[in-house]
Amino acid sequence: MADLAFHRALAEASHNSTLAGFQARLESLVAVWIRQNIRKPGEGKLAEHDAVLKAVRAQDAKGARAAMHAHMDSATRRLRAQLGRA
């Protein structure tokens, strides 16, 4: 899945073995979430990834951090809504 590959590539590019290990362990859980939710239109996931990627390519650490925080906040809201905890 492209979503998992994106997050895996970011973790590996960080050269942070703790982050890469954490990402690897989470992938099976994230894969289930993606299969259930990724095809829902209008949630802006690709735009969120694009913002992170643009900041990484520009070597803008603060921008990448902010974009990833925004992406994870959005994913958390989607998860809570799915679980009925909005």
C-alpha atoms as a PDB file:
ATOM      1  CA  MET A   1       0.000   0.000   0.000  1.00  0.00           C
ATOM      2  CA  ALA A   2       1.300   3.397  -0.951  1.00  0.00           C
ATOM      3  CA  ASP A   3       0.305   4.908   2.397  1.00  0.00           C
ATOM      4  CA  LEU A   4       2.388   2.381   4.327  1.00  0.00           C
ATOM      5  CA  ALA A   5       5.278   2.719   1.881  1.00  0.00           C
ATOM      6  CA  PHE A   6       5.207   6.497   2.364  1.00  0.00           C
ATOM      7  CA  HIS A   7       5.411   6.247   6.149  1.00  0.00           C
ATOM      8  CA  ARG A   8       8.038   3.473   5.956  1.00  0.00           C
ATOM      9  CA  ALA A   9      10.206   5.574   3.620  1.00  0.00           C
ATOM     10  CA  LEU A  10      10.000   8.573   5.946  1.00  0.00           C
ATOM     11  CA  ALA A  11      10.956   6.448   8.949  1.00  0.00           C
ATOM     12  CA  GLU A  12      13.883   4.894   7.088  1.00  0.00           C
ATOM     13  CA  ALA A  13      15.031   8.265   5.747  1.00  0.00           C
ATOM     14  CA  SER A  14      15.173   9.594   9.296  1.00  0.00           C
ATOM     15  CA  HIS A  15      18.029   7.154  10.051  1.00  0.00           C
ATOM     16  CA  ASN A  16      16.355   6.738  13.429  1.00  0.00           C
ATOM     17  CA  SER A  17      16.314   3.018  14.220  1.00  0.00           C
ATOM     18  CA  THR A  18      13.775   3.499  17.007  1.00  0.00           C
ATOM     19  CA  LEU A  19      11.346   5.264  14.684  1.00  0.00           C
ATOM     20  CA  ALA A  20      11.903   2.719  11.897  1.00  0.00           C
ATOM     21  CA  GLY A  21      11.338  -0.163  14.323  1.00  0.00           C
ATOM     22  CA  PHE A  22       8.207   1.438  15.719  1.00  0.00           C
ATOM     23  CA  GLN A  23       6.868   1.992  12.191  1.00  0.00           C
ATOM     24  CA  ALA A  24       7.569  -1.638  11.263  1.00  0.00           C
ATOM     25  CA  ARG A  25       5.677  -2.915  14.305  1.00  0.00           C
ATOM     26  CA  LEU A  26       2.703  -0.657  13.640  1.00  0.00           C
ATOM     27  CA  GLU A  27       2.334  -1.566   9.974  1.00  0.00           C
ATOM     28  CA  SER A  28      -0.009  -4.509  10.481  1.00  0.00           C
ATOM     29  CA  LEU A  29      -2.381  -2.378  12.561  1.00  0.00           C
ATOM     30  CA  VAL A  30      -2.145   0.538  10.171  1.00  0.00           C
ATOM     31  CA  ALA A  31      -2.800  -1.770   7.199  1.00  0.00           C
ATOM     32  CA  VAL A  32      -6.165  -2.771   8.675  1.00  0.00           C
ATOM     33  CA  TRP A  33      -7.061   0.876   9.258  1.00  0.00           C
ATOM     34  CA  ILE A  34      -6.085   1.817   5.695  1.00  0.00           C
ATOM     35  CA  ARG A  35      -8.102  -1.000   4.128  1.00  0.00           C
ATOM     36  CA  GLN A  36     -11.164   0.184   6.018  1.00  0.00           C
ATOM     37  CA  ASN A  37     -10.743   3.907   5.463  1.00  0.00           C
ATOM     38  CA  ILE A  38      -8.325   4.912   2.704  1.00  0.00           C
ATOM     39  CA  ARG A  39     -10.855   4.671  -0.095  1.00  0.00           C
ATOM     40  CA  LYS A  40     -13.234   7.156   1.517  1.00  0.00           C
ATOM     41  CA  PRO A  41     -13.196  10.270  -0.679  1.00  0.00           C
ATOM     42  CA  GLY A  42     -12.686  13.820   0.456  1.00  0.00           C
ATOM     43  CA  GLU A  43     -10.528  13.263   3.507  1.00  0.00           C
ATOM     44  CA  GLY A  44      -7.383  14.835   2.060  1.00  0.00           C
ATOM     45  CA  LYS A  45      -4.893  12.110   2.921  1.00  0.00           C
ATOM     46  CA  LEU A  46      -2.922  12.558  -0.292  1.00  0.00           C
ATOM     47  CA  ALA A  47      -2.751  16.306   0.236  1.00  0.00           C
ATOM     48  CA  GLU A  48      -1.510  15.666   3.775  1.00  0.00           C
ATOM     49  CA  HIS A  49       1.233  13.351   2.503  1.00  0.00           C
ATOM     50  CA  ASP A  50       2.113  15.835  -0.223  1.00  0.00           C
ATOM     51  CA  ALA A  51       2.633  18.582   2.350  1.00  0.00           C
ATOM     52  CA  VAL A  52       5.013  16.362   4.327  1.00  0.00           C
ATOM     53  CA  LEU A  53       6.912  15.294   1.215  1.00  0.00           C
ATOM     54  CA  LYS A  54       7.309  18.857  -0.060  1.00  0.00           C
ATOM     55  CA  ALA A  55       8.741  19.961   3.281  1.00  0.00           C
ATOM     56  CA  VAL A  56      11.134  16.997   3.402  1.00  0.00           C
ATOM     57  CA  ARG A  57      12.316  17.670  -0.143  1.00  0.00           C
ATOM     58  CA  ALA A  58      12.856  21.329   0.749  1.00  0.00           C
ATOM     59  CA  GLN A  59      14.853  20.200   3.809  1.00  0.00           C
ATOM     60  CA  ASP A  60      12.398  22.186   5.928  1.00  0.00           C
ATOM     61  CA  ALA A  61      12.454  20.298   9.227  1.00  0.00           C
ATOM     62  CA  LYS A  62       9.987  22.637  10.953  1.00  0.00           C
ATOM     63  CA  GLY A  63       7.603  22.489   8.014  1.00  0.00           C
ATOM     64  CA  ALA A  64       7.864  18.691   7.810  1.00  0.00           C
ATOM     65  CA  ARG A  65       7.231  18.388  11.537  1.00  0.00           C
ATOM     66  CA  ALA A  66       4.187  20.665  11.319  1.00  0.00           C
ATOM     67  CA  ALA A  67       2.828  18.845   8.265  1.00  0.00           C
ATOM     68  CA  MET A  68       3.268  15.444   9.927  1.00  0.00           C
ATOM     69  CA  HIS A  69       1.597  16.672  13.112  1.00  0.00           C
ATOM     70  CA  ALA A  70      -1.334  17.950  11.037  1.00  0.00           C
ATOM     71  CA  HIS A  71      -1.530  14.606   9.216  1.00  0.00           C
ATOM     72  CA  MET A  72      -1.459  12.592  12.440  1.00  0.00           C
ATOM     73  CA  ASP A  73      -4.063  14.870  14.051  1.00  0.00           C
ATOM     74  CA  SER A  74      -6.306  14.338  11.042  1.00  0.00           C
ATOM     75  CA  ALA A  75      -5.752  10.563  11.154  1.00  0.00           C
ATOM     76  CA  THR A  76      -6.564  10.564  14.872  1.00  0.00           C
ATOM     77  CA  ARG A  77      -9.826  12.429  14.229  1.00  0.00           C
ATOM     78  CA  ARG A  78     -10.748   9.912  11.507  1.00  0.00           C
ATOM     79  CA  LEU A  79      -9.959   6.991  13.801  1.00  0.00           C
ATOM     80  CA  ARG A  80     -11.974   8.441  16.680  1.00  0.00           C
ATOM     81  CA  ALA A  81     -14.907   9.139  14.376  1.00  0.00           C
ATOM     82  CA  GLN A  82     -14.733   5.576  13.071  1.00  0.00           C
ATOM     83  CA  LEU A  83     -14.741   4.272  16.639  1.00  0.00           C
ATOM     84  CA  GLY A  84     -17.632   6.559  17.596  1.00  0.00           C
ATOM     85  CA  ARG A  85     -15.579   8.785  19.863  1.00  0.00           C
ATOM     86  CA  ALA A  86     -15.668  11.996  17.849  1.00  0.00           C
END
